[in-house]
Amino acid sequence: MSTYVFGHTTPDSDSIIGAISLSYLKNQLGEDTVPTRQGEVSPETAFILDRFGFQAPELKTHYAGENVYLIDFMESSQSPEDINEATILGIVDHHKLGDLKTATPLEMWVRPVGCSNTIVKQMYDYHGVEIPKEIAGMMMCAILSDTVIFKSPTCTKEDTKACKELATIAGVEDYKALAMEMFTVKSNVLNDTKRALVLRDFKDFMMGGNKLGVGQLEVVDLAVFDDMKEELFEEMAKLKAEGERHSVLLLLTDIMLEGSQLLVLSDEPTQIESAFGVKLADNQVWLPKVMSRKKQIIPFLEKQF
């Protein structure tokens, strides 16, 4: 019976590429694993897969009775509904400890770095397994995406080291130029529905008994959102009601200006204001130097709630 490797719901590039890279490593170590995904592939991830000649992993949303490895998450709110009926053999992640529980011991690779694929690179090194050129290229792109080309406050020396080593393996001389191509694709928000945009990189978190949904869109020019904010708010309102969420937040991150416009719909907007020490105007506020949901948004919300 195969073991499945997958990332969080509404997967980003780190989740999709991480499932592929971790599955390949496990197979080289003698296990029978298959990379899967819980949601649709984003335009950025599709660009990476196409660039290095890979297909998207199989879409799979139910894992009852299966053995699984999780990558890039360990929160029940980002898991398949039947995760408690699966056997978690291991977790590879760069986030805080989540609320998942296991009945048996498991392999844990958790590091305070900017990208899960940085950890997978360290696992390849630890086990002495050679990384194929194409997988190395995808892992490099995942790191560049998660660290926003090393601009994110989550980025560490380990991330930059892994990225450069992966670029050498992949034969990519100008990895920053490739990263800008990738972010240009990511900035194309005109061809998706507004709901798809809000959900492109969206995660739910339980805080003090409340469900908060936090999405993020990273672009090279914030002006692309000028004529669509009203529609984004409409979709945020629908998601808030449908999911019985206390709050829905959407970060519109400009990687060139290195800051984010925060859109907020909340039962208690004053709590959001208190969390960040700001005053909302028309349910939004500019947050300079804020680029990381993981490090600059979620911890402040958790402290508040």
C-alpha atoms as a PDB file:
ATOM      1  CA  MET A   1       0.000   0.000   0.000  1.00  0.00           C
ATOM      2  CA  SER A   2       1.393   3.374  -1.013  1.00  0.00           C
ATOM      3  CA  THR A   3       1.951   6.180   1.470  1.00  0.00           C
ATOM      4  CA  TYR A   4       0.672   9.605   0.438  1.00  0.00           C
ATOM      5  CA  VAL A   5       2.641  12.841   0.777  1.00  0.00           C
ATOM      6  CA  PHE A   6       0.748  16.136   0.693  1.00  0.00           C
ATOM      7  CA  GLY A   7       0.640  19.749   1.842  1.00  0.00           C
ATOM      8  CA  HIS A   8      -2.098  21.985   3.204  1.00  0.00           C
ATOM      9  CA  THR A   9      -5.454  22.921   1.691  1.00  0.00           C
ATOM     10  CA  THR A  10      -5.347  25.649  -0.996  1.00  0.00           C
ATOM     11  CA  PRO A  11      -1.745  24.582  -1.627  1.00  0.00           C
ATOM     12  CA  ASP A  12       1.020  27.002  -2.545  1.00  0.00           C
ATOM     13  CA  SER A  13       4.221  26.199  -4.419  1.00  0.00           C
ATOM     14  CA  ASP A  14       6.027  25.016  -1.285  1.00  0.00           C
ATOM     15  CA  SER A  15       3.242  22.485  -0.568  1.00  0.00           C
ATOM     16  CA  ILE A  16       3.039  21.112  -4.104  1.00  0.00           C
ATOM     17  CA  ILE A  17       6.774  21.005  -4.796  1.00  0.00           C
ATOM     18  CA  GLY A  18       7.434  19.767  -1.273  1.00  0.00           C
ATOM     19  CA  ALA A  19       5.120  16.801  -1.827  1.00  0.00           C
ATOM     20  CA  ILE A  20       7.030  15.925  -4.998  1.00  0.00           C
ATOM     21  CA  SER A  21      10.518  16.410  -3.541  1.00  0.00           C
ATOM     22  CA  LEU A  22       9.780  14.608  -0.261  1.00  0.00           C
ATOM     23  CA  SER A  23       8.057  11.725  -2.045  1.00  0.00           C
ATOM     24  CA  TYR A  24      11.042  11.236  -4.374  1.00  0.00           C
ATOM     25  CA  LEU A  25      13.404  11.189  -1.385  1.00  0.00           C
ATOM     26  CA  LYS A  26      11.286   8.646   0.487  1.00  0.00           C
ATOM     27  CA  ASN A  27      11.123   6.439  -2.594  1.00  0.00           C
ATOM     28  CA  GLN A  28      14.919   6.525  -2.895  1.00  0.00           C
ATOM     29  CA  LEU A  29      15.072   5.420   0.735  1.00  0.00           C
ATOM     30  CA  GLY A  30      12.995   2.341  -0.037  1.00  0.00           C
ATOM     31  CA  GLU A  31       9.487   3.512   0.800  1.00  0.00           C
ATOM     32  CA  ASP A  32       6.548   3.443  -1.615  1.00  0.00           C
ATOM     33  CA  THR A  33       5.132   6.979  -1.620  1.00  0.00           C
ATOM     34  CA  VAL A  34       2.944   9.047  -3.929  1.00  0.00           C
ATOM     35  CA  PRO A  35       2.768  12.882  -3.957  1.00  0.00           C
ATOM     36  CA  THR A  36      -0.765  14.291  -3.833  1.00  0.00           C
ATOM     37  CA  ARG A  37      -2.456  17.646  -3.322  1.00  0.00           C
ATOM     38  CA  GLN A  38      -5.536  18.850  -1.465  1.00  0.00           C
ATOM     39  CA  GLY A  39      -6.490  21.660  -3.839  1.00  0.00           C
ATOM     40  CA  GLU A  40      -6.018  23.362  -7.178  1.00  0.00           C
ATOM     41  CA  VAL A  41      -2.608  24.399  -8.483  1.00  0.00           C
ATOM     42  CA  SER A  42      -1.902  28.157  -8.533  1.00  0.00           C
ATOM     43  CA  PRO A  43      -0.629  29.926 -11.675  1.00  0.00           C
ATOM     44  CA  GLU A  44       2.798  30.308 -10.055  1.00  0.00           C
ATOM     45  CA  THR A  45       3.024  26.605  -9.240  1.00  0.00           C
ATOM     46  CA  ALA A  46       1.838  25.704 -12.745  1.00  0.00           C
ATOM     47  CA  PHE A  47       4.646  27.881 -14.120  1.00  0.00           C
ATOM     48  CA  ILE A  48       7.234  26.043 -11.985  1.00  0.00           C
ATOM     49  CA  LEU A  49       5.929  22.598 -12.928  1.00  0.00           C
ATOM     50  CA  ASP A  50       5.897  23.477 -16.625  1.00  0.00           C
ATOM     51  CA  ARG A  51       9.362  25.068 -16.459  1.00  0.00           C
ATOM     52  CA  PHE A  52      10.886  21.838 -15.142  1.00  0.00           C
ATOM     53  CA  GLY A  53       8.698  19.328 -17.005  1.00  0.00           C
ATOM     54  CA  PHE A  54       6.516  17.953 -14.194  1.00  0.00           C
ATOM     55  CA  GLN A  55       2.803  17.215 -13.911  1.00  0.00           C
ATOM     56  CA  ALA A  56       0.793  18.326 -10.893  1.00  0.00           C
ATOM     57  CA  PRO A  57       0.373  15.630  -8.227  1.00  0.00           C
ATOM     58  CA  GLU A  58      -2.920  13.756  -8.069  1.00  0.00           C
ATOM     59  CA  LEU A  59      -5.817  15.609  -6.409  1.00  0.00           C
ATOM     60  CA  LYS A  60      -6.871  13.657  -3.303  1.00  0.00           C
ATOM     61  CA  THR A  61      -9.009  14.933  -0.441  1.00  0.00           C
ATOM     62  CA  HIS A  62      -9.762  11.801   1.597  1.00  0.00           C
ATOM     63  CA  TYR A  63      -7.118   9.778   3.477  1.00  0.00           C
ATOM     64  CA  ALA A  64      -9.012   7.589   5.955  1.00  0.00           C
ATOM     65  CA  GLY A  65      -7.114   4.355   6.528  1.00  0.00           C
ATOM     66  CA  GLU A  66      -4.032   5.604   4.671  1.00  0.00           C
ATOM     67  CA  ASN A  67      -0.444   6.189   5.787  1.00  0.00           C
ATOM     68  CA  VAL A  68       0.600   9.786   5.141  1.00  0.00           C
ATOM     69  CA  TYR A  69       3.434  12.283   5.362  1.00  0.00           C
ATOM     70  CA  LEU A  70       2.484  15.930   5.843  1.00  0.00           C
ATOM     71  CA  ILE A  71       4.555  18.807   4.496  1.00  0.00           C
ATOM     72  CA  ASP A  72       4.232  22.544   5.102  1.00  0.00           C
ATOM     73  CA  PHE A  73       1.506  22.294   7.754  1.00  0.00           C
ATOM     74  CA  MET A  74       0.389  20.630  10.982  1.00  0.00           C
ATOM     75  CA  GLU A  75      -2.933  22.345  11.677  1.00  0.00           C
ATOM     76  CA  SER A  76      -6.228  20.442  11.654  1.00  0.00           C
ATOM     77  CA  SER A  77      -7.876  23.446   9.961  1.00  0.00           C
ATOM     78  CA  GLN A  78      -5.560  22.935   6.964  1.00  0.00           C
ATOM     79  CA  SER A  79      -6.004  19.142   6.877  1.00  0.00           C
ATOM     80  CA  PRO A  80      -8.409  16.793   5.101  1.00  0.00           C
ATOM     81  CA  GLU A  81     -11.567  16.239   7.120  1.00  0.00           C
ATOM     82  CA  ASP A  82     -10.655  12.605   7.808  1.00  0.00           C
ATOM     83  CA  ILE A  83      -7.057  13.226   8.924  1.00  0.00           C
ATOM     84  CA  ASN A  84      -7.788  11.638  12.317  1.00  0.00           C
ATOM     85  CA  GLU A  85      -8.567   8.373  10.518  1.00  0.00           C
ATOM     86  CA  ALA A  86      -5.156   8.353   8.785  1.00  0.00           C
ATOM     87  CA  THR A  87      -1.792   7.322  10.219  1.00  0.00           C
ATOM     88  CA  ILE A  88       0.684  10.210  10.127  1.00  0.00           C
ATOM     89  CA  LEU A  89       4.156   8.750   9.615  1.00  0.00           C
ATOM     90  CA  GLY A  90       5.954  12.077   9.554  1.00  0.00           C
ATOM     91  CA  ILE A  91       5.763  15.855   9.285  1.00  0.00           C
ATOM     92  CA  VAL A  92       8.119  18.256   7.522  1.00  0.00           C
ATOM     93  CA  ASP A  93       7.274  21.875   8.307  1.00  0.00           C
ATOM     94  CA  HIS A  94       8.574  25.374   8.988  1.00  0.00           C
ATOM     95  CA  HIS A  95       5.564  26.687  10.915  1.00  0.00           C
ATOM     96  CA  LYS A  96       4.666  26.680  14.593  1.00  0.00           C
ATOM     97  CA  LEU A  97       3.414  23.514  16.265  1.00  0.00           C
ATOM     98  CA  GLY A  98      -0.186  22.847  15.323  1.00  0.00           C
ATOM     99  CA  ASP A  99      -3.019  20.953  16.969  1.00  0.00           C
ATOM    100  CA  LEU A 100      -2.759  17.618  15.164  1.00  0.00           C
ATOM    101  CA  LYS A 101      -2.368  14.538  17.351  1.00  0.00           C
ATOM    102  CA  THR A 102      -1.010  11.095  16.528  1.00  0.00           C
ATOM    103  CA  ALA A 103      -1.503   7.677  18.096  1.00  0.00           C
ATOM    104  CA  THR A 104       1.999   6.487  17.208  1.00  0.00           C
ATOM    105  CA  PRO A 105       5.506   8.002  17.156  1.00  0.00           C
ATOM    106  CA  LEU A 106       6.408   9.857  13.984  1.00  0.00           C
ATOM    107  CA  GLU A 107       9.326  11.369  12.105  1.00  0.00           C
ATOM    108  CA  MET A 108       9.523  15.134  12.642  1.00  0.00           C
ATOM    109  CA  TRP A 109      11.624  17.594  10.643  1.00  0.00           C
ATOM    110  CA  VAL A 110      10.603  21.046  11.855  1.00  0.00           C
ATOM    111  CA  ARG A 111      12.955  23.995  11.416  1.00  0.00           C
ATOM    112  CA  PRO A 112      12.578  27.803  11.818  1.00  0.00           C
ATOM    113  CA  VAL A 113      13.405  28.523   8.179  1.00  0.00           C
ATOM    114  CA  GLY A 114      11.602  30.306   5.354  1.00  0.00           C
ATOM    115  CA  CYS A 115      10.516  27.294   3.316  1.00  0.00           C
ATOM    116  CA  SER A 116       9.729  23.602   3.792  1.00  0.00           C
ATOM    117  CA  ASN A 117      11.814  22.734   0.736  1.00  0.00           C
ATOM    118  CA  THR A 118      14.866  24.083   2.541  1.00  0.00           C
ATOM    119  CA  ILE A 119      14.268  21.355   5.114  1.00  0.00           C
ATOM    120  CA  VAL A 120      13.755  18.739   2.405  1.00  0.00           C
ATOM    121  CA  LYS A 121      17.111  19.801   0.913  1.00  0.00           C
ATOM    122  CA  GLN A 122      18.699  19.191   4.327  1.00  0.00           C
ATOM    123  CA  MET A 123      17.035  15.767   4.439  1.00  0.00           C
ATOM    124  CA  TYR A 124      18.564  14.856   1.056  1.00  0.00           C
ATOM    125  CA  ASP A 125      21.964  15.948   2.384  1.00  0.00           C
ATOM    126  CA  TYR A 126      21.500  14.008   5.622  1.00  0.00           C
ATOM    127  CA  HIS A 127      20.642  10.799   3.787  1.00  0.00           C
ATOM    128  CA  GLY A 128      23.225  11.321   1.041  1.00  0.00           C
ATOM    129  CA  VAL A 129      20.648  11.141  -1.759  1.00  0.00           C
ATOM    130  CA  GLU A 130      21.326  12.939  -5.047  1.00  0.00           C
ATOM    131  CA  ILE A 131      18.660  15.416  -6.127  1.00  0.00           C
ATOM    132  CA  PRO A 132      17.583  15.178  -9.781  1.00  0.00           C
ATOM    133  CA  LYS A 133      18.194  18.351 -11.774  1.00  0.00           C
ATOM    134  CA  GLU A 134      14.508  19.066 -12.426  1.00  0.00           C
ATOM    135  CA  ILE A 135      13.415  18.510  -8.821  1.00  0.00           C
ATOM    136  CA  ALA A 136      16.277  20.731  -7.632  1.00  0.00           C
ATOM    137  CA  GLY A 137      15.031  23.509  -9.913  1.00  0.00           C
ATOM    138  CA  MET A 138      11.505  23.256  -8.541  1.00  0.00           C
ATOM    139  CA  MET A 139      12.747  23.217  -4.941  1.00  0.00           C
ATOM    140  CA  MET A 140      14.819  26.330  -5.687  1.00  0.00           C
ATOM    141  CA  CYS A 141      11.722  28.098  -7.024  1.00  0.00           C
ATOM    142  CA  ALA A 142       9.683  27.093  -3.968  1.00  0.00           C
ATOM    143  CA  ILE A 143      12.298  28.667  -1.696  1.00  0.00           C
ATOM    144  CA  LEU A 144      12.410  31.846  -3.794  1.00  0.00           C
ATOM    145  CA  SER A 145       8.608  32.010  -3.634  1.00  0.00           C
ATOM    146  CA  ASP A 146       8.238  31.429   0.111  1.00  0.00           C
ATOM    147  CA  THR A 147      11.063  33.828   1.009  1.00  0.00           C
ATOM    148  CA  VAL A 148       9.906  36.420  -1.579  1.00  0.00           C
ATOM    149  CA  ILE A 149      13.325  36.317  -3.227  1.00  0.00           C
ATOM    150  CA  PHE A 150      15.009  36.486   0.217  1.00  0.00           C
ATOM    151  CA  LYS A 151      13.089  39.661   1.211  1.00  0.00           C
ATOM    152  CA  SER A 152      10.772  37.988   3.723  1.00  0.00           C
ATOM    153  CA  PRO A 153      11.684  38.288   7.431  1.00  0.00           C
ATOM    154  CA  THR A 154      11.292  34.504   7.587  1.00  0.00           C
ATOM    155  CA  CYS A 155      14.281  34.022   5.282  1.00  0.00           C
ATOM    156  CA  THR A 156      17.412  32.591   6.911  1.00  0.00           C
ATOM    157  CA  LYS A 157      20.958  31.858   5.846  1.00  0.00           C
ATOM    158  CA  GLU A 158      19.910  28.232   5.540  1.00  0.00           C
ATOM    159  CA  ASP A 159      17.347  29.199   2.891  1.00  0.00           C
ATOM    160  CA  THR A 160      19.808  31.218   0.821  1.00  0.00           C
ATOM    161  CA  LYS A 161      22.406  28.455   1.101  1.00  0.00           C
ATOM    162  CA  ALA A 162      19.948  25.767   0.017  1.00  0.00           C
ATOM    163  CA  CYS A 163      18.661  27.916  -2.843  1.00  0.00           C
ATOM    164  CA  LYS A 164      22.125  28.574  -4.253  1.00  0.00           C
ATOM    165  CA  GLU A 165      23.108  24.914  -3.997  1.00  0.00           C
ATOM    166  CA  LEU A 166      19.869  23.853  -5.713  1.00  0.00           C
ATOM    167  CA  ALA A 167      20.436  26.421  -8.476  1.00  0.00           C
ATOM    168  CA  THR A 168      23.843  24.863  -9.139  1.00  0.00           C
ATOM    169  CA  ILE A 169      22.328  21.371  -9.323  1.00  0.00           C
ATOM    170  CA  ALA A 170      19.567  22.634 -11.626  1.00  0.00           C
ATOM    171  CA  GLY A 171      21.995  24.511 -13.858  1.00  0.00           C
ATOM    172  CA  VAL A 172      20.213  27.831 -13.315  1.00  0.00           C
ATOM    173  CA  GLU A 173      22.736  30.670 -13.468  1.00  0.00           C
ATOM    174  CA  ASP A 174      20.435  33.661 -12.826  1.00  0.00           C
ATOM    175  CA  TYR A 175      17.927  32.323 -10.323  1.00  0.00           C
ATOM    176  CA  LYS A 176      16.723  35.813  -9.373  1.00  0.00           C
ATOM    177  CA  ALA A 177      15.740  36.502 -12.984  1.00  0.00           C
ATOM    178  CA  LEU A 178      13.762  33.264 -12.996  1.00  0.00           C
ATOM    179  CA  ALA A 179      12.172  34.306  -9.713  1.00  0.00           C
ATOM    180  CA  MET A 180      11.008  37.596 -11.248  1.00  0.00           C
ATOM    181  CA  GLU A 181       9.449  35.645 -14.121  1.00  0.00           C
ATOM    182  CA  MET A 182       7.700  33.532 -11.516  1.00  0.00           C
ATOM    183  CA  PHE A 183       6.391  36.528  -9.583  1.00  0.00           C
ATOM    184  CA  THR A 184       5.247  38.196 -12.795  1.00  0.00           C
ATOM    185  CA  VAL A 185       3.087  35.126 -13.426  1.00  0.00           C
ATOM    186  CA  LYS A 186       1.941  35.271  -9.809  1.00  0.00           C
ATOM    187  CA  SER A 187       0.989  38.930 -10.317  1.00  0.00           C
ATOM    188  CA  ASN A 188      -1.427  38.068 -13.113  1.00  0.00           C
ATOM    189  CA  VAL A 189      -4.691  38.468 -11.235  1.00  0.00           C
ATOM    190  CA  LEU A 190      -6.890  39.458 -14.166  1.00  0.00           C
ATOM    191  CA  ASN A 191      -7.706  35.968 -15.456  1.00  0.00           C
ATOM    192  CA  ASP A 192      -8.998  34.451 -12.201  1.00  0.00           C
ATOM    193  CA  THR A 193     -12.345  34.959 -10.531  1.00  0.00           C
ATOM    194  CA  LYS A 194     -12.264  37.133  -7.429  1.00  0.00           C
ATOM    195  CA  ARG A 195     -13.094  34.105  -5.266  1.00  0.00           C
ATOM    196  CA  ALA A 196     -10.184  32.200  -6.774  1.00  0.00           C
ATOM    197  CA  LEU A 197      -7.909  35.122  -5.961  1.00  0.00           C
ATOM    198  CA  VAL A 198      -8.990  35.302  -2.312  1.00  0.00           C
ATOM    199  CA  LEU A 199      -8.543  31.532  -2.011  1.00  0.00           C
ATOM    200  CA  ARG A 200      -5.271  31.333  -3.963  1.00  0.00           C
ATOM    201  CA  ASP A 201      -3.181  31.252  -0.761  1.00  0.00           C
ATOM    202  CA  PHE A 202      -5.770  31.069   2.019  1.00  0.00           C
ATOM    203  CA  LYS A 203      -5.490  29.381   5.410  1.00  0.00           C
ATOM    204  CA  ASP A 204      -7.863  28.978   8.335  1.00  0.00           C
ATOM    205  CA  PHE A 205      -6.680  29.282  11.922  1.00  0.00           C
ATOM    206  CA  MET A 206      -8.490  28.579  15.205  1.00  0.00           C
ATOM    207  CA  MET A 207      -7.758  31.256  17.797  1.00  0.00           C
ATOM    208  CA  GLY A 208      -9.501  31.461  21.159  1.00  0.00           C
ATOM    209  CA  GLY A 209     -12.465  29.492  19.850  1.00  0.00           C
ATOM    210  CA  ASN A 210     -12.765  31.677  16.758  1.00  0.00           C
ATOM    211  CA  LYS A 211     -12.062  30.718  13.159  1.00  0.00           C
ATOM    212  CA  LEU A 212     -10.022  33.292  11.242  1.00  0.00           C
ATOM    213  CA  GLY A 213      -9.260  32.975   7.547  1.00  0.00           C
ATOM    214  CA  VAL A 214      -6.138  34.735   6.272  1.00  0.00           C
ATOM    215  CA  GLY A 215      -5.248  34.950   2.596  1.00  0.00           C
ATOM    216  CA  GLN A 216      -2.296  36.519   0.803  1.00  0.00           C
ATOM    217  CA  LEU A 217      -1.611  37.669  -2.751  1.00  0.00           C
ATOM    218  CA  GLU A 218       1.935  38.675  -3.687  1.00  0.00           C
ATOM    219  CA  VAL A 219       2.436  40.912  -6.733  1.00  0.00           C
ATOM    220  CA  VAL A 220       5.083  43.152  -8.245  1.00  0.00           C
ATOM    221  CA  ASP A 221       2.706  46.136  -8.439  1.00  0.00           C
ATOM    222  CA  LEU A 222      -0.161  46.744  -5.999  1.00  0.00           C
ATOM    223  CA  ALA A 223      -1.949  48.885  -8.599  1.00  0.00           C
ATOM    224  CA  VAL A 224      -3.390  45.722 -10.182  1.00  0.00           C
ATOM    225  CA  PHE A 225      -5.914  45.633  -7.317  1.00  0.00           C
ATOM    226  CA  ASP A 226      -7.115  49.238  -7.668  1.00  0.00           C
ATOM    227  CA  ASP A 227     -10.268  48.381  -9.613  1.00  0.00           C
ATOM    228  CA  MET A 228     -11.174  45.136  -7.890  1.00  0.00           C
ATOM    229  CA  LYS A 229     -11.081  45.734  -4.141  1.00  0.00           C
ATOM    230  CA  GLU A 230     -14.868  46.057  -3.855  1.00  0.00           C
ATOM    231  CA  GLU A 231     -15.288  42.667  -5.515  1.00  0.00           C
ATOM    232  CA  LEU A 232     -12.578  41.157  -3.297  1.00  0.00           C
ATOM    233  CA  PHE A 233     -14.452  42.407  -0.241  1.00  0.00           C
ATOM    234  CA  GLU A 234     -17.666  40.846  -1.595  1.00  0.00           C
ATOM    235  CA  GLU A 235     -16.000  37.434  -1.869  1.00  0.00           C
ATOM    236  CA  MET A 236     -14.414  37.829   1.550  1.00  0.00           C
ATOM    237  CA  ALA A 237     -17.883  38.499   2.987  1.00  0.00           C
ATOM    238  CA  LYS A 238     -19.243  35.337   1.348  1.00  0.00           C
ATOM    239  CA  LEU A 239     -16.373  33.243   2.705  1.00  0.00           C
ATOM    240  CA  LYS A 240     -16.866  34.728   6.148  1.00  0.00           C
ATOM    241  CA  ALA A 241     -20.550  33.755   6.193  1.00  0.00           C
ATOM    242  CA  GLU A 242     -20.134  30.365   4.525  1.00  0.00           C
ATOM    243  CA  GLY A 243     -17.359  29.248   6.862  1.00  0.00           C
ATOM    244  CA  GLU A 244     -18.839  30.869   9.977  1.00  0.00           C
ATOM    245  CA  ARG A 245     -15.568  32.739  10.358  1.00  0.00           C
ATOM    246  CA  HIS A 246     -15.047  35.451  12.946  1.00  0.00           C
ATOM    247  CA  SER A 247     -12.761  37.325  10.560  1.00  0.00           C
ATOM    248  CA  VAL A 248     -11.436  37.141   7.027  1.00  0.00           C
ATOM    249  CA  LEU A 249      -8.209  38.987   6.241  1.00  0.00           C
ATOM    250  CA  LEU A 250      -6.497  39.383   2.897  1.00  0.00           C
ATOM    251  CA  LEU A 251      -2.904  40.576   2.549  1.00  0.00           C
ATOM    252  CA  LEU A 252      -2.122  42.286  -0.743  1.00  0.00           C
ATOM    253  CA  THR A 253       1.669  42.210  -0.713  1.00  0.00           C
ATOM    254  CA  ASP A 254       3.834  44.359  -2.985  1.00  0.00           C
ATOM    255  CA  ILE A 255       7.213  42.645  -3.232  1.00  0.00           C
ATOM    256  CA  MET A 256       8.857  45.740  -4.722  1.00  0.00           C
ATOM    257  CA  LEU A 257       7.567  48.219  -2.120  1.00  0.00           C
ATOM    258  CA  GLU A 258       8.059  45.567   0.583  1.00  0.00           C
ATOM    259  CA  GLY A 259       4.770  46.051   2.367  1.00  0.00           C
ATOM    260  CA  SER A 260       1.151  44.895   2.388  1.00  0.00           C
ATOM    261  CA  GLN A 261      -2.311  46.388   2.146  1.00  0.00           C
ATOM    262  CA  LEU A 262      -4.444  44.521   4.689  1.00  0.00           C
ATOM    263  CA  LEU A 263      -8.137  44.065   3.878  1.00  0.00           C
ATOM    264  CA  VAL A 264     -10.315  43.148   6.866  1.00  0.00           C
ATOM    265  CA  LEU A 265     -13.843  41.898   7.472  1.00  0.00           C
ATOM    266  CA  SER A 266     -14.408  41.014  11.120  1.00  0.00           C
ATOM    267  CA  ASP A 267     -17.061  40.620  13.800  1.00  0.00           C
ATOM    268  CA  GLU A 268     -14.783  42.758  15.981  1.00  0.00           C
ATOM    269  CA  PRO A 269     -12.588  44.974  13.798  1.00  0.00           C
ATOM    270  CA  THR A 270     -11.226  46.713  16.898  1.00  0.00           C
ATOM    271  CA  GLN A 271      -9.497  43.458  17.828  1.00  0.00           C
ATOM    272  CA  ILE A 272      -7.712  43.459  14.485  1.00  0.00           C
ATOM    273  CA  GLU A 273      -6.734  47.086  15.001  1.00  0.00           C
ATOM    274  CA  SER A 274      -5.412  46.289  18.478  1.00  0.00           C
ATOM    275  CA  ALA A 275      -3.449  43.303  17.199  1.00  0.00           C
ATOM    276  CA  PHE A 276      -1.409  45.477  14.838  1.00  0.00           C
ATOM    277  CA  GLY A 277      -1.649  48.857  16.558  1.00  0.00           C
ATOM    278  CA  VAL A 278      -3.368  50.454  13.555  1.00  0.00           C
ATOM    279  CA  LYS A 279      -6.612  52.177  12.627  1.00  0.00           C
ATOM    280  CA  LEU A 280      -8.626  50.744   9.752  1.00  0.00           C
ATOM    281  CA  ALA A 281     -10.010  53.105   7.116  1.00  0.00           C
ATOM    282  CA  ASP A 282     -12.665  51.575   4.842  1.00  0.00           C
ATOM    283  CA  ASN A 283     -11.755  48.177   6.328  1.00  0.00           C
ATOM    284  CA  GLN A 284      -8.141  48.367   5.184  1.00  0.00           C
ATOM    285  CA  VAL A 285      -4.722  49.634   6.197  1.00  0.00           C
ATOM    286  CA  TRP A 286      -1.195  49.766   4.761  1.00  0.00           C
ATOM    287  CA  LEU A 287       1.388  47.783   6.727  1.00  0.00           C
ATOM    288  CA  PRO A 288       4.930  48.806   5.736  1.00  0.00           C
ATOM    289  CA  LYS A 289       7.588  46.078   5.754  1.00  0.00           C
ATOM    290  CA  VAL A 290       4.950  43.407   6.389  1.00  0.00           C
ATOM    291  CA  MET A 291       5.460  40.533   3.945  1.00  0.00           C
ATOM    292  CA  SER A 292       5.068  37.358   5.981  1.00  0.00           C
ATOM    293  CA  ARG A 293       1.723  35.980   7.125  1.00  0.00           C
ATOM    294  CA  LYS A 294       3.506  33.386   9.249  1.00  0.00           C
ATOM    295  CA  LYS A 295       5.780  35.770  11.130  1.00  0.00           C
ATOM    296  CA  GLN A 296       4.152  39.204  10.946  1.00  0.00           C
ATOM    297  CA  ILE A 297       0.413  38.464  10.995  1.00  0.00           C
ATOM    298  CA  ILE A 298      -0.540  35.189  12.692  1.00  0.00           C
ATOM    299  CA  PRO A 299       1.498  35.640  15.937  1.00  0.00           C
ATOM    300  CA  PHE A 300      -0.075  39.061  16.569  1.00  0.00           C
ATOM    301  CA  LEU A 301      -3.583  37.736  15.925  1.00  0.00           C
ATOM    302  CA  GLU A 302      -3.000  34.775  18.228  1.00  0.00           C
ATOM    303  CA  LYS A 303      -1.766  37.054  20.997  1.00  0.00           C
ATOM    304  CA  GLN A 304      -4.861  39.240  20.586  1.00  0.00           C
ATOM    305  CA  PHE A 305      -7.384  36.383  20.489  1.00  0.00           C
END
